[in-house]
Amino acid sequence: MIISIIGMLIGALVTGAGICYLVKEKQDKESVKIYGIISGVGGVIFIAMLVKLISSPQPMSTA
């Protein structure tokens, strides 16, 4: 569960940084391509970790 949450944070940060630099460097065609790919990869990481977190079995309460 902790790994999924950390993975989601990393994915969100990579996506955010990619979008930030994508907007900042929008005049350079090559930079737009690179930062677009980076944003996509970050989004995939975020979604994959979210699915992993949702689909993982929850621990049973012993109370």
PDB file of N, CA and C in Angstrom:
ATOM      1  N   MET A   1       0.817  -1.184   0.000  1.00  0.00           N
ATOM      2  CA  MET A   1       0.000   0.000   0.000  1.00  0.00           C
ATOM      3  C   MET A   1       0.866   1.255   0.000  1.00  0.00           C
ATOM      4  N   ILE A   2       1.911   1.266   0.796  1.00  0.00           N
ATOM      5  CA  ILE A   2       2.816   2.414   0.856  1.00  0.00           C
ATOM      6  C   ILE A   2       3.497   2.616  -0.497  1.00  0.00           C
ATOM      7  N   ILE A   3       3.900   1.518  -1.133  1.00  0.00           N
ATOM      8  CA  ILE A   3       4.574   1.613  -2.429  1.00  0.00           C
ATOM      9  C   ILE A   3       3.638   2.227  -3.469  1.00  0.00           C
ATOM     10  N   SER A   4       2.377   1.851  -3.438  1.00  0.00           N
ATOM     11  CA  SER A   4       1.407   2.412  -4.376  1.00  0.00           C
ATOM     12  C   SER A   4       1.232   3.915  -4.161  1.00  0.00           C
ATOM     13  N   ILE A   5       1.177   4.332  -2.925  1.00  0.00           N
ATOM     14  CA  ILE A   5       1.010   5.757  -2.633  1.00  0.00           C
ATOM     15  C   ILE A   5       2.243   6.541  -3.064  1.00  0.00           C
ATOM     16  N   ILE A   6       3.430   6.002  -2.777  1.00  0.00           N
ATOM     17  CA  ILE A   6       4.666   6.665  -3.202  1.00  0.00           C
ATOM     18  C   ILE A   6       4.740   6.710  -4.724  1.00  0.00           C
ATOM     19  N   GLY A   7       4.357   5.625  -5.379  1.00  0.00           N
ATOM     20  CA  GLY A   7       4.338   5.598  -6.838  1.00  0.00           C
ATOM     21  C   GLY A   7       3.375   6.614  -7.416  1.00  0.00           C
ATOM     22  N   MET A   8       2.217   6.779  -6.771  1.00  0.00           N
ATOM     23  CA  MET A   8       1.258   7.787  -7.228  1.00  0.00           C
ATOM     24  C   MET A   8       1.830   9.194  -7.087  1.00  0.00           C
ATOM     25  N   LEU A   9       2.515   9.449  -5.981  1.00  0.00           N
ATOM     26  CA  LEU A   9       3.134  10.766  -5.794  1.00  0.00           C
ATOM     27  C   LEU A   9       4.207  11.029  -6.847  1.00  0.00           C
ATOM     28  N   ILE A  10       5.035  10.026  -7.117  1.00  0.00           N
ATOM     29  CA  ILE A  10       6.077  10.176  -8.130  1.00  0.00           C
ATOM     30  C   ILE A  10       5.448  10.412  -9.503  1.00  0.00           C
ATOM     31  N   GLY A  11       4.429   9.630  -9.839  1.00  0.00           N
ATOM     32  CA  GLY A  11       3.750   9.810 -11.118  1.00  0.00           C
ATOM     33  C   GLY A  11       3.141  11.197 -11.253  1.00  0.00           C
ATOM     34  N   ALA A  12       2.508  11.675 -10.184  1.00  0.00           N
ATOM     35  CA  ALA A  12       1.900  13.002 -10.218  1.00  0.00           C
ATOM     36  C   ALA A  12       2.961  14.095 -10.364  1.00  0.00           C
ATOM     37  N   LEU A  13       4.079  13.935  -9.663  1.00  0.00           N
ATOM     38  CA  LEU A  13       5.150  14.933  -9.761  1.00  0.00           C
ATOM     39  C   LEU A  13       5.787  14.948 -11.143  1.00  0.00           C
ATOM     40  N   VAL A  14       6.011  13.784 -11.727  1.00  0.00           N
ATOM     41  CA  VAL A  14       6.590  13.713 -13.072  1.00  0.00           C
ATOM     42  C   VAL A  14       5.632  14.328 -14.088  1.00  0.00           C
ATOM     43  N   THR A  15       4.350  14.021 -13.946  1.00  0.00           N
ATOM     44  CA  THR A  15       3.352  14.596 -14.852  1.00  0.00           C
ATOM     45  C   THR A  15       3.299  16.117 -14.709  1.00  0.00           C
ATOM     46  N   GLY A  16       3.277  16.587 -13.485  1.00  0.00           N
ATOM     47  CA  GLY A  16       3.236  18.029 -13.243  1.00  0.00           C
ATOM     48  C   GLY A  16       4.459  18.744 -13.784  1.00  0.00           C
ATOM     49  N   ALA A  17       5.640  18.173 -13.557  1.00  0.00           N
ATOM     50  CA  ALA A  17       6.862  18.788 -14.068  1.00  0.00           C
ATOM     51  C   ALA A  17       6.871  18.790 -15.593  1.00  0.00           C
ATOM     52  N   GLY A  18       6.433  17.682 -16.197  1.00  0.00           N
ATOM     53  CA  GLY A  18       6.382  17.609 -17.655  1.00  0.00           C
ATOM     54  C   GLY A  18       5.451  18.653 -18.240  1.00  0.00           C
ATOM     55  N   ILE A  19       4.282  18.823 -17.628  1.00  0.00           N
ATOM     56  CA  ILE A  19       3.327  19.820 -18.123  1.00  0.00           C
ATOM     57  C   ILE A  19       3.861  21.234 -17.909  1.00  0.00           C
ATOM     58  N   CYS A  20       4.497  21.450 -16.769  1.00  0.00           N
ATOM     59  CA  CYS A  20       5.068  22.771 -16.482  1.00  0.00           C
ATOM     60  C   CYS A  20       6.100  23.159 -17.541  1.00  0.00           C
ATOM     61  N   TYR A  21       7.034  22.263 -17.827  1.00  0.00           N
ATOM     62  CA  TYR A  21       8.056  22.555 -18.827  1.00  0.00           C
ATOM     63  C   TYR A  21       7.487  22.538 -20.241  1.00  0.00           C
ATOM     64  N   LEU A  22       6.426  21.774 -20.467  1.00  0.00           N
ATOM     65  CA  LEU A  22       5.760  21.766 -21.764  1.00  0.00           C
ATOM     66  C   LEU A  22       5.189  23.146 -22.073  1.00  0.00           C
ATOM     67  N   VAL A  23       4.557  23.764 -21.088  1.00  0.00           N
ATOM     68  CA  VAL A  23       4.012  25.108 -21.270  1.00  0.00           C
ATOM     69  C   VAL A  23       5.133  26.129 -21.391  1.00  0.00           C
ATOM     70  N   LYS A  24       6.183  25.950 -20.589  1.00  0.00           N
ATOM     71  CA  LYS A  24       7.294  26.896 -20.586  1.00  0.00           C
ATOM     72  C   LYS A  24       8.062  26.889 -21.908  1.00  0.00           C
ATOM     73  N   GLU A  25       8.224  25.736 -22.523  1.00  0.00           N
ATOM     74  CA  GLU A  25       9.020  25.590 -23.746  1.00  0.00           C
ATOM     75  C   GLU A  25       8.144  25.313 -24.967  1.00  0.00           C
ATOM     76  N   LYS A  26       6.962  25.915 -25.039  1.00  0.00           N
ATOM     77  CA  LYS A  26       6.020  25.583 -26.107  1.00  0.00           C
ATOM     78  C   LYS A  26       6.465  26.057 -27.496  1.00  0.00           C
ATOM     79  N   GLN A  27       7.460  26.928 -27.589  1.00  0.00           N
ATOM     80  CA  GLN A  27       7.928  27.379 -28.901  1.00  0.00           C
ATOM     81  C   GLN A  27       8.875  26.375 -29.560  1.00  0.00           C
ATOM     82  N   ASP A  28       9.555  25.566 -28.777  1.00  0.00           N
ATOM     83  CA  ASP A  28      10.529  24.597 -29.300  1.00  0.00           C
ATOM     84  C   ASP A  28       9.831  23.270 -29.573  1.00  0.00           C
ATOM     85  N   LYS A  29       9.766  22.879 -30.849  1.00  0.00           N
ATOM     86  CA  LYS A  29       9.030  21.667 -31.248  1.00  0.00           C
ATOM     87  C   LYS A  29       9.608  20.412 -30.603  1.00  0.00           C
ATOM     88  N   GLU A  30      10.933  20.306 -30.537  1.00  0.00           N
ATOM     89  CA  GLU A  30      11.557  19.112 -29.967  1.00  0.00           C
ATOM     90  C   GLU A  30      11.289  19.014 -28.462  1.00  0.00           C
ATOM     91  N   SER A  31      11.328  20.140 -27.772  1.00  0.00           N
ATOM     92  CA  SER A  31      11.043  20.139 -26.335  1.00  0.00           C
ATOM     93  C   SER A  31       9.596  19.764 -26.059  1.00  0.00           C
ATOM     94  N   VAL A  32       8.683  20.236 -26.903  1.00  0.00           N
ATOM     95  CA  VAL A  32       7.277  19.892 -26.729  1.00  0.00           C
ATOM     96  C   VAL A  32       7.092  18.380 -26.848  1.00  0.00           C
ATOM     97  N   LYS A  33       7.782  17.765 -27.805  1.00  0.00           N
ATOM     98  CA  LYS A  33       7.689  16.318 -27.993  1.00  0.00           C
ATOM     99  C   LYS A  33       8.240  15.578 -26.765  1.00  0.00           C
ATOM    100  N   ILE A  34       9.385  15.985 -26.296  1.00  0.00           N
ATOM    101  CA  ILE A  34      10.026  15.318 -25.156  1.00  0.00           C
ATOM    102  C   ILE A  34       9.183  15.471 -23.889  1.00  0.00           C
ATOM    103  N   TYR A  35       8.754  16.694 -23.581  1.00  0.00           N
ATOM    104  CA  TYR A  35       7.974  16.919 -22.360  1.00  0.00           C
ATOM    105  C   TYR A  35       6.585  16.315 -22.453  1.00  0.00           C
ATOM    106  N   GLY A  36       6.049  16.210 -23.658  1.00  0.00           N
ATOM    107  CA  GLY A  36       4.781  15.514 -23.829  1.00  0.00           C
ATOM    108  C   GLY A  36       4.905  14.038 -23.493  1.00  0.00           C
ATOM    109  N   ILE A  37       5.994  13.422 -23.943  1.00  0.00           N
ATOM    110  CA  ILE A  37       6.244  12.008 -23.640  1.00  0.00           C
ATOM    111  C   ILE A  37       6.452  11.819 -22.136  1.00  0.00           C
ATOM    112  N   ILE A  38       7.222  12.714 -21.529  1.00  0.00           N
ATOM    113  CA  ILE A  38       7.469  12.625 -20.082  1.00  0.00           C
ATOM    114  C   ILE A  38       6.162  12.759 -19.308  1.00  0.00           C
ATOM    115  N   SER A  39       5.308  13.685 -19.721  1.00  0.00           N
ATOM    116  CA  SER A  39       4.012  13.849 -19.052  1.00  0.00           C
ATOM    117  C   SER A  39       3.159  12.597 -19.201  1.00  0.00           C
ATOM    118  N   GLY A  40       3.193  11.992 -20.376  1.00  0.00           N
ATOM    119  CA  GLY A  40       2.445  10.756 -20.604  1.00  0.00           C
ATOM    120  C   GLY A  40       2.934   9.615 -19.735  1.00  0.00           C
ATOM    121  N   VAL A  41       4.244   9.476 -19.635  1.00  0.00           N
ATOM    122  CA  VAL A  41       4.822   8.418 -18.802  1.00  0.00           C
ATOM    123  C   VAL A  41       4.446   8.635 -17.332  1.00  0.00           C
ATOM    124  N   GLY A  42       4.515   9.871 -16.874  1.00  0.00           N
ATOM    125  CA  GLY A  42       4.113  10.171 -15.501  1.00  0.00           C
ATOM    126  C   GLY A  42       2.648   9.854 -15.260  1.00  0.00           C
ATOM    127  N   GLY A  43       1.818  10.156 -16.239  1.00  0.00           N
ATOM    128  CA  GLY A  43       0.398   9.836 -16.128  1.00  0.00           C
ATOM    129  C   GLY A  43       0.141   8.342 -16.068  1.00  0.00           C
ATOM    130  N   VAL A  44       0.884   7.587 -16.882  1.00  0.00           N
ATOM    131  CA  VAL A  44       0.741   6.125 -16.868  1.00  0.00           C
ATOM    132  C   VAL A  44       1.173   5.559 -15.524  1.00  0.00           C
ATOM    133  N   ILE A  45       2.276   6.071 -14.975  1.00  0.00           N
ATOM    134  CA  ILE A  45       2.737   5.620 -13.657  1.00  0.00           C
ATOM    135  C   ILE A  45       1.674   5.917 -12.597  1.00  0.00           C
ATOM    136  N   PHE A  46       1.115   7.116 -12.634  1.00  0.00           N
ATOM    137  CA  PHE A  46       0.091   7.497 -11.667  1.00  0.00           C
ATOM    138  C   PHE A  46      -1.125   6.580 -11.759  1.00  0.00           C
ATOM    139  N   ILE A  47      -1.609   6.361 -12.971  1.00  0.00           N
ATOM    140  CA  ILE A  47      -2.800   5.523 -13.157  1.00  0.00           C
ATOM    141  C   ILE A  47      -2.522   4.074 -12.758  1.00  0.00           C
ATOM    142  N   ALA A  48      -1.340   3.559 -13.110  1.00  0.00           N
ATOM    143  CA  ALA A  48      -1.001   2.178 -12.759  1.00  0.00           C
ATOM    144  C   ALA A  48      -0.945   1.993 -11.246  1.00  0.00           C
ATOM    145  N   MET A  49      -0.355   2.934 -10.541  1.00  0.00           N
ATOM    146  CA  MET A  49      -0.272   2.825  -9.091  1.00  0.00           C
ATOM    147  C   MET A  49      -1.647   3.016  -8.446  1.00  0.00           C
ATOM    148  N   LEU A  50      -2.490   3.855  -9.038  1.00  0.00           N
ATOM    149  CA  LEU A  50      -3.848   4.023  -8.527  1.00  0.00           C
ATOM    150  C   LEU A  50      -4.648   2.730  -8.678  1.00  0.00           C
ATOM    151  N   VAL A  51      -4.527   2.089  -9.830  1.00  0.00           N
ATOM    152  CA  VAL A  51      -5.210   0.810 -10.048  1.00  0.00           C
ATOM    153  C   VAL A  51      -4.688  -0.242  -9.083  1.00  0.00           C
ATOM    154  N   LYS A  52      -3.366  -0.267  -8.883  1.00  0.00           N
ATOM    155  CA  LYS A  52      -2.767  -1.223  -7.941  1.00  0.00           C
ATOM    156  C   LYS A  52      -3.291  -0.990  -6.532  1.00  0.00           C
ATOM    157  N   LEU A  53      -3.428   0.274  -6.137  1.00  0.00           N
ATOM    158  CA  LEU A  53      -3.921   0.597  -4.804  1.00  0.00           C
ATOM    159  C   LEU A  53      -5.386   0.192  -4.644  1.00  0.00           C
ATOM    160  N   ILE A  54      -6.184   0.446  -5.657  1.00  0.00           N
ATOM    161  CA  ILE A  54      -7.601   0.111  -5.583  1.00  0.00           C
ATOM    162  C   ILE A  54      -7.825  -1.383  -5.602  1.00  0.00           C
ATOM    163  N   SER A  55      -7.058  -2.100  -6.414  1.00  0.00           N
ATOM    164  CA  SER A  55      -7.283  -3.533  -6.582  1.00  0.00           C
ATOM    165  C   SER A  55      -6.595  -4.389  -5.515  1.00  0.00           C
ATOM    166  N   SER A  56      -5.736  -3.803  -4.698  1.00  0.00           N
ATOM    167  CA  SER A  56      -5.065  -4.602  -3.678  1.00  0.00           C
ATOM    168  C   SER A  56      -6.048  -4.947  -2.566  1.00  0.00           C
ATOM    169  N   PRO A  57      -5.957  -6.159  -2.032  1.00  0.00           N
ATOM    170  CA  PRO A  57      -6.865  -6.547  -0.951  1.00  0.00           C
ATOM    171  C   PRO A  57      -6.581  -5.736   0.309  1.00  0.00           C
ATOM    172  N   GLN A  58      -7.645  -5.347   0.981  1.00  0.00           N
ATOM    173  CA  GLN A  58      -7.503  -4.575   2.202  1.00  0.00           C
ATOM    174  C   GLN A  58      -7.268  -5.516   3.380  1.00  0.00           C
ATOM    175  N   PRO A  59      -6.401  -5.148   4.322  1.00  0.00           N
ATOM    176  CA  PRO A  59      -6.174  -6.030   5.483  1.00  0.00           C
ATOM    177  C   PRO A  59      -7.426  -6.133   6.346  1.00  0.00           C
ATOM    178  N   MET A  60      -7.635  -7.301   6.876  1.00  0.00           N
ATOM    179  CA  MET A  60      -8.809  -7.551   7.725  1.00  0.00           C
ATOM    180  C   MET A  60      -8.564  -6.964   9.109  1.00  0.00           C
ATOM    181  N   SER A  61      -9.586  -6.405   9.695  1.00  0.00           N
ATOM    182  CA  SER A  61      -9.503  -5.861  11.039  1.00  0.00           C
ATOM    183  C   SER A  61      -9.618  -7.007  12.049  1.00  0.00           C
ATOM    184  N   THR A  62      -8.830  -6.962  13.102  1.00  0.00           N
ATOM    185  CA  THR A  62      -8.870  -8.016  14.121  1.00  0.00           C
ATOM    186  C   THR A  62      -9.710  -7.605  15.322  1.00  0.00           C
ATOM    187  N   ALA A  63     -10.423  -6.502  15.214  1.00  0.00           N
ATOM    188  CA  ALA A  63     -11.219  -6.032  16.356  1.00  0.00           C
ATOM    189  C   ALA A  63     -12.487  -6.814  16.539  1.00  0.00           C
TER     190      ALA A  63
END
